[in-house]
Amino acid sequence: MKCSSLGLLLLLSAHPAAAAKTDARATLTALQAMDMALSRVGYRLATANVGMCDRRQPASGLLLQGIEQYGADFRASAAVLFALGAAPGVTGVIAGSPADRAGIRANDSVKALNGAALPLAAGPGFDRMAAVLDRLETALVAGPVHLDLERAGQNLSVTLQGVPACASRFQVKSSPGFSAGANGRYVEVDAGLLAFADGDDEIAVIVAHELAHNILKHPETLNAQGVSRKAILGKDARRIRETEVEADRFSIRLLASAGYRLEAAPLFWARFGKAHGHGILSDSTHLRWKKRVALIEAEIAAVRAGP
């Protein structure tokens, strides 16, 4: 699992006029904290449940970003706050991860990987950073990698290795909405939904459900069946609902393996259902929130009763 800082685009691009009225430094710091929280939870779930995944990738706990991911109104502030230049920069590292043990720190710049220079910032978007992440993950599969870093004007080299993890990247989605999704490769969570969650246990409830979709290959299954994700009635809606129920059940096992508080799941979905039940939980692709909570509570009891 290799996380990026796509989440730091968030509302900066979606709502530039509103964002311009706020303190840029405070906004960027808050968004960095949100990105770190999602990545921290994703790393823990993906590494703790690697035995349940047949698609794996090395996890390093290193979060990277590029200056081109920021809109014009925030680019100068991001360059100062995160010491970002043309090279990929380190948003942060997950505590206790290989990146942490290697001594990599937030605001380091990554100049080269195994002696080969990394691409510098080009046009706006995520293409350059996606290529960097692909390159790093591929190198980690082969074994430890050597990174040339720059920190406060000083050059240093570190050796980084990965640990086995379920193959998913975790990203904050640039939306103030209350949705999350999985496409087989990524788990994306709206900024609004992350803000609604109360602490890591509730963030883990959201992420475990989406990670379950990836582990169980639901996106591929629905694609193979030609299921429309916009369906709200009929056969397609029923097939989507089946995957949602299966992901809810499997998410409890993922949470248990990672040591999260299982009671957070029914509490979160009940609170979410009461606040937003008119949306995602009201159509025919999902159980109504009371039935969903009952199913999750039954799964918790089953997990605690035996393997």
Protein backbone atom coordinates (compact mmCIF):
# COMPACT_ATOMS: atom_id res chain seq x y z
CA MET A 1 0.00 0.00 0.00
CA LYS A 2 1.41 3.35 -1.00
CA CYS A 3 -0.52 6.44 0.00
CA SER A 4 -0.48 9.80 -1.73
CA SER A 5 -1.58 13.30 -0.85
CA LEU A 6 -4.33 13.64 -3.40
CA GLY A 7 -6.49 14.54 -0.42
CA LEU A 8 -4.68 17.84 -0.12
CA LEU A 9 -6.47 19.04 -3.25
CA LEU A 10 -9.82 18.65 -1.50
CA LEU A 11 -11.86 21.80 -1.24
CA LEU A 12 -8.99 23.95 -2.48
CA SER A 13 -9.97 23.14 -6.04
CA ALA A 14 -13.66 22.49 -5.43
CA HIS A 15 -14.29 25.77 -3.61
CA PRO A 16 -11.47 28.22 -4.40
CA ALA A 17 -13.49 31.33 -3.60
CA ALA A 18 -14.48 30.12 -0.14
CA ALA A 19 -11.02 28.76 0.56
CA ALA A 20 -9.43 32.09 -0.35
CA LYS A 21 -11.29 33.71 2.53
CA THR A 22 -9.66 31.43 5.08
CA ASP A 23 -6.12 31.31 6.34
CA ALA A 24 -4.18 29.25 3.80
CA ARG A 25 -1.76 27.81 6.34
CA ALA A 26 -4.53 26.67 8.69
CA THR A 27 -6.47 25.14 5.81
CA LEU A 28 -3.47 23.24 4.48
CA THR A 29 -2.52 22.01 7.94
CA ALA A 30 -6.04 20.71 8.56
CA LEU A 31 -6.13 18.93 5.21
CA GLN A 32 -2.73 17.37 5.85
CA ALA A 33 -4.07 16.01 9.16
CA MET A 34 -7.08 14.52 7.36
CA ASP A 35 -4.84 12.88 4.77
CA MET A 36 -2.62 11.46 7.49
CA ALA A 37 -5.60 10.07 9.43
CA LEU A 38 -6.98 8.22 6.41
CA SER A 39 -3.55 6.88 5.49
CA ARG A 40 -2.82 5.81 9.06
CA VAL A 41 -6.05 3.83 9.28
CA GLY A 42 -5.63 2.37 5.79
CA TYR A 43 -2.08 1.25 6.56
CA ARG A 44 -3.17 -0.50 9.75
CA LEU A 45 -6.10 -2.29 8.12
CA ALA A 46 -4.14 -3.31 5.02
CA THR A 47 -1.16 -4.70 6.93
CA ALA A 48 -3.14 -6.41 9.69
CA ASN A 49 -5.37 -8.23 7.19
CA VAL A 50 -2.80 -9.28 4.62
CA GLY A 51 -3.66 -12.94 5.30
CA MET A 52 -7.16 -12.30 3.92
CA CYS A 53 -5.91 -10.79 0.63
CA ASP A 54 -4.73 -12.60 -2.46
CA ARG A 55 -3.67 -9.30 -4.05
CA ARG A 56 -0.83 -7.76 -2.10
CA GLN A 57 1.74 -5.02 -2.34
CA PRO A 58 4.50 -3.74 -0.06
CA ALA A 59 3.41 -1.02 2.36
CA SER A 60 5.98 1.59 3.37
CA GLY A 61 3.97 4.11 5.38
CA LEU A 62 5.41 6.90 3.22
CA LEU A 63 3.04 9.61 1.96
CA LEU A 64 4.19 11.63 -1.03
CA GLN A 65 2.84 14.73 -2.74
CA GLY A 66 3.66 17.10 -5.59
CA ILE A 67 3.45 20.87 -5.82
CA GLU A 68 1.33 20.54 -8.97
CA GLN A 69 -1.50 19.04 -6.90
CA TYR A 70 -2.26 22.46 -5.43
CA GLY A 71 -4.37 25.14 -7.03
CA ALA A 72 -2.82 28.50 -7.84
CA ASP A 73 -4.32 30.16 -4.75
CA PHE A 74 -2.56 27.73 -2.41
CA ARG A 75 0.58 26.74 -4.29
CA ALA A 76 2.85 29.39 -2.75
CA SER A 77 1.65 28.60 0.78
CA ALA A 78 2.09 24.86 0.21
CA ALA A 79 5.61 25.40 -1.08
CA VAL A 80 6.57 27.17 2.14
CA LEU A 81 4.62 25.03 4.61
CA PHE A 82 5.68 21.68 3.16
CA ALA A 83 9.09 22.71 1.72
CA LEU A 84 7.78 21.67 -1.70
CA GLY A 85 9.73 22.27 -4.87
CA ALA A 86 9.81 20.50 -8.20
CA ALA A 87 10.71 17.13 -6.63
CA PRO A 88 8.17 14.91 -4.88
CA GLY A 89 7.80 15.84 -1.22
CA VAL A 90 6.99 13.85 1.90
CA THR A 91 3.61 14.74 3.37
CA GLY A 92 4.29 12.56 6.40
CA VAL A 93 5.09 9.04 7.55
CA ILE A 94 2.98 6.55 9.49
CA ALA A 95 4.32 6.02 13.00
CA GLY A 96 6.05 2.65 13.38
CA SER A 97 6.10 2.03 9.62
CA PRO A 98 9.20 1.20 7.54
CA ALA A 99 9.40 4.85 6.46
CA ASP A 100 9.40 5.94 10.09
CA ARG A 101 12.11 3.41 11.00
CA ALA A 102 14.19 4.53 8.01
CA GLY A 103 14.27 8.04 9.43
CA ILE A 104 12.23 9.73 6.69
CA ARG A 105 10.46 12.85 7.91
CA ALA A 106 7.69 15.16 6.76
CA ASN A 107 8.87 17.89 4.35
CA ASP A 108 11.79 15.84 3.04
CA SER A 109 12.19 15.99 -0.73
CA VAL A 110 12.74 12.74 -2.62
CA LYS A 111 15.30 13.25 -5.37
CA ALA A 112 16.11 9.75 -6.58
CA LEU A 113 15.11 6.11 -6.19
CA ASN A 114 17.85 3.47 -6.50
CA GLY A 115 20.08 6.11 -8.05
CA ALA A 116 17.61 7.16 -10.76
CA ALA A 117 16.15 10.66 -10.57
CA LEU A 118 12.40 10.95 -10.03
CA PRO A 119 10.36 13.04 -12.48
CA LEU A 120 9.92 16.69 -11.57
CA ALA A 121 6.66 18.58 -11.47
CA ALA A 122 5.02 19.24 -14.81
CA GLY A 123 1.42 20.20 -15.55
CA PRO A 124 -1.37 20.22 -12.95
CA GLY A 125 -2.99 16.98 -11.86
CA PHE A 126 -1.98 13.66 -10.38
CA ASP A 127 -0.35 11.90 -13.35
CA ARG A 128 3.25 12.59 -12.31
CA MET A 129 2.68 11.46 -8.71
CA ALA A 130 0.78 8.36 -9.82
CA ALA A 131 3.81 7.39 -11.89
CA VAL A 132 6.11 8.01 -8.91
CA LEU A 133 3.95 5.80 -6.68
CA ASP A 134 3.90 3.03 -9.29
CA ARG A 135 7.66 3.20 -9.58
CA LEU A 136 8.22 3.03 -5.84
CA GLU A 137 5.80 0.14 -5.32
CA THR A 138 7.40 -1.83 -8.16
CA ALA A 139 10.85 -1.28 -6.67
CA LEU A 140 9.70 -2.34 -3.19
CA VAL A 141 8.42 -5.64 -4.58
CA ALA A 142 11.99 -6.49 -5.52
CA GLY A 143 13.37 -5.64 -2.07
CA PRO A 144 14.75 -2.67 -0.12
CA VAL A 145 15.14 0.56 -2.09
CA HIS A 146 17.57 3.44 -1.66
CA LEU A 147 16.15 6.95 -1.59
CA ASP A 148 18.16 10.13 -2.00
CA LEU A 149 16.55 12.86 0.08
CA GLU A 150 17.01 16.55 0.71
CA ARG A 151 16.18 17.93 4.17
CA ALA A 152 16.53 21.63 4.93
CA GLY A 153 19.21 21.96 2.26
CA GLN A 154 21.16 18.86 3.33
CA ASN A 155 21.44 15.70 1.24
CA LEU A 156 21.03 12.26 2.81
CA SER A 157 20.32 8.70 1.74
CA VAL A 158 18.09 6.12 3.40
CA THR A 159 17.14 2.51 2.79
CA LEU A 160 13.42 1.76 2.71
CA GLN A 161 11.69 -1.58 2.61
CA GLY A 162 8.05 -2.59 2.56
CA VAL A 163 5.88 -4.89 4.64
CA PRO A 164 3.18 -7.10 3.12
CA ALA A 165 -0.23 -5.47 2.81
CA CYS A 166 -3.49 -5.75 0.93
CA ALA A 167 -3.20 -3.97 -2.41
CA SER A 168 -5.09 -0.69 -2.03
CA ARG A 169 -4.22 2.99 -2.00
CA PHE A 170 -6.13 5.32 0.30
CA GLN A 171 -7.06 8.81 -0.79
CA VAL A 172 -9.22 11.67 0.38
CA LYS A 173 -11.64 12.70 -2.34
CA SER A 174 -12.04 16.38 -3.19
CA SER A 175 -15.66 16.64 -2.13
CA PRO A 176 -17.52 17.99 0.89
CA GLY A 177 -20.02 15.13 0.46
CA PHE A 178 -20.62 12.02 2.56
CA SER A 179 -19.67 9.17 0.25
CA ALA A 180 -16.86 6.65 -0.08
CA GLY A 181 -15.95 4.25 -2.84
CA ALA A 182 -13.64 1.48 -3.97
CA ASN A 183 -12.62 0.61 -7.53
CA GLY A 184 -10.38 -2.41 -6.91
CA ARG A 185 -7.21 -0.31 -6.66
CA TYR A 186 -8.16 2.74 -4.61
CA VAL A 187 -10.26 3.47 -1.55
CA GLU A 188 -11.53 7.04 -1.71
CA VAL A 189 -13.38 8.88 1.04
CA ASP A 190 -15.09 12.26 0.78
CA ALA A 191 -13.71 15.00 2.98
CA GLY A 192 -17.17 15.57 4.43
CA LEU A 193 -17.49 11.94 5.51
CA LEU A 194 -14.06 11.97 7.15
CA ALA A 195 -14.99 15.12 9.04
CA PHE A 196 -18.21 13.42 10.20
CA ALA A 197 -16.28 10.45 11.62
CA ASP A 198 -15.25 10.72 15.26
CA GLY A 199 -11.67 9.49 15.55
CA ASP A 200 -9.74 6.61 14.05
CA ASP A 201 -12.21 3.90 15.11
CA GLU A 202 -15.00 5.48 13.07
CA ILE A 203 -12.70 6.26 10.14
CA ALA A 204 -11.74 2.58 10.24
CA VAL A 205 -15.41 1.61 9.96
CA ILE A 206 -15.66 3.52 6.68
CA VAL A 207 -12.33 2.32 5.31
CA ALA A 208 -12.86 -1.33 6.28
CA HIS A 209 -16.13 -1.42 4.33
CA GLU A 210 -14.47 -0.05 1.19
CA LEU A 211 -11.36 -2.19 1.60
CA ALA A 212 -13.67 -5.20 1.87
CA HIS A 213 -15.03 -4.37 -1.60
CA ASN A 214 -11.49 -4.42 -3.01
CA ILE A 215 -10.46 -7.61 -1.22
CA LEU A 216 -13.64 -9.41 -2.29
CA LYS A 217 -13.21 -8.10 -5.88
CA HIS A 218 -16.67 -6.58 -5.96
CA PRO A 219 -15.78 -3.87 -8.53
CA GLU A 220 -14.50 -6.51 -10.97
CA THR A 221 -17.52 -8.74 -10.36
CA LEU A 222 -20.02 -5.96 -10.98
CA ASN A 223 -18.12 -4.83 -14.08
CA ALA A 224 -18.12 -8.37 -15.46
CA GLN A 225 -21.87 -8.53 -14.91
CA GLY A 226 -22.35 -5.22 -16.68
CA VAL A 227 -23.98 -3.68 -13.61
CA SER A 228 -24.75 0.03 -13.80
CA ARG A 229 -23.58 1.85 -10.66
CA LYS A 230 -26.38 4.36 -11.20
CA ALA A 231 -29.08 1.70 -10.85
CA ILE A 232 -31.61 2.22 -8.07
CA LEU A 233 -34.11 -0.48 -9.08
CA GLY A 234 -34.15 -3.94 -10.59
CA LYS A 235 -31.49 -6.60 -11.06
CA ASP A 236 -28.52 -4.23 -11.04
CA ALA A 237 -29.60 -2.60 -7.79
CA ARG A 238 -30.07 -6.02 -6.20
CA ARG A 239 -26.56 -7.11 -7.21
CA ILE A 240 -25.05 -3.93 -5.79
CA ARG A 241 -26.96 -4.43 -2.55
CA GLU A 242 -25.60 -7.98 -2.26
CA THR A 243 -22.04 -6.68 -2.43
CA GLU A 244 -22.84 -3.97 0.12
CA VAL A 245 -24.18 -6.53 2.60
CA GLU A 246 -21.17 -8.77 2.04
CA ALA A 247 -18.78 -5.85 2.54
CA ASP A 248 -20.54 -4.83 5.75
CA ARG A 249 -20.11 -8.32 7.15
CA PHE A 250 -16.52 -8.72 6.04
CA SER A 251 -15.60 -5.27 7.34
CA ILE A 252 -16.22 -6.44 10.91
CA ARG A 253 -13.61 -9.17 10.48
CA LEU A 254 -11.15 -6.65 9.08
CA LEU A 255 -11.75 -4.33 12.02
CA ALA A 256 -11.33 -7.19 14.49
CA SER A 257 -8.03 -8.34 12.96
CA ALA A 258 -6.68 -4.79 13.11
CA GLY A 259 -7.74 -4.34 16.74
CA TYR A 260 -10.29 -1.57 16.22
CA ARG A 261 -13.27 -1.17 18.55
CA LEU A 262 -16.08 -3.17 16.94
CA GLU A 263 -18.84 -1.27 18.73
CA ALA A 264 -17.84 1.78 16.71
CA ALA A 265 -19.40 0.21 13.59
CA PRO A 266 -23.07 0.04 14.64
CA LEU A 267 -22.76 3.32 16.51
CA PHE A 268 -21.31 5.08 13.48
CA TRP A 269 -23.83 3.73 10.97
CA ALA A 270 -26.72 4.52 13.30
CA ARG A 271 -25.51 8.09 13.76
CA PHE A 272 -24.85 8.43 10.03
CA GLY A 273 -28.23 6.96 9.14
CA LYS A 274 -30.09 9.36 11.39
CA ALA A 275 -28.22 12.34 9.96
CA HIS A 276 -28.01 11.34 6.28
CA GLY A 277 -30.47 8.48 5.83
CA HIS A 278 -32.24 10.44 3.12
CA GLY A 279 -29.26 9.81 0.83
CA ILE A 280 -27.09 6.78 0.25
CA LEU A 281 -28.86 4.59 2.83
CA SER A 282 -32.34 5.16 1.39
CA ASP A 283 -32.03 3.72 -2.09
CA SER A 284 -32.43 0.09 -3.04
CA THR A 285 -28.69 -0.55 -3.39
CA HIS A 286 -28.18 -0.35 0.39
CA LEU A 287 -30.00 -1.61 3.43
CA ARG A 288 -31.94 0.99 5.38
CA TRP A 289 -29.83 2.09 8.31
CA LYS A 290 -31.72 0.19 11.02
CA LYS A 291 -31.41 -3.09 9.12
CA ARG A 292 -27.78 -2.32 8.41
CA VAL A 293 -27.04 -1.75 12.09
CA ALA A 294 -28.84 -4.98 13.02
CA LEU A 295 -26.81 -6.94 10.45
CA ILE A 296 -23.54 -5.46 11.73
CA GLU A 297 -24.44 -6.19 15.35
CA ALA A 298 -25.19 -9.81 14.40
CA GLU A 299 -21.84 -10.07 12.62
CA ILE A 300 -20.01 -8.71 15.65
CA ALA A 301 -21.64 -11.40 17.77
CA ALA A 302 -20.63 -14.05 15.22
CA VAL A 303 -17.02 -12.85 15.14
CA ARG A 304 -16.79 -12.96 18.90
CA ALA A 305 -18.41 -16.37 19.06
CA GLY A 306 -15.76 -18.13 16.97
CA PRO A 307 -13.42 -18.03 13.96
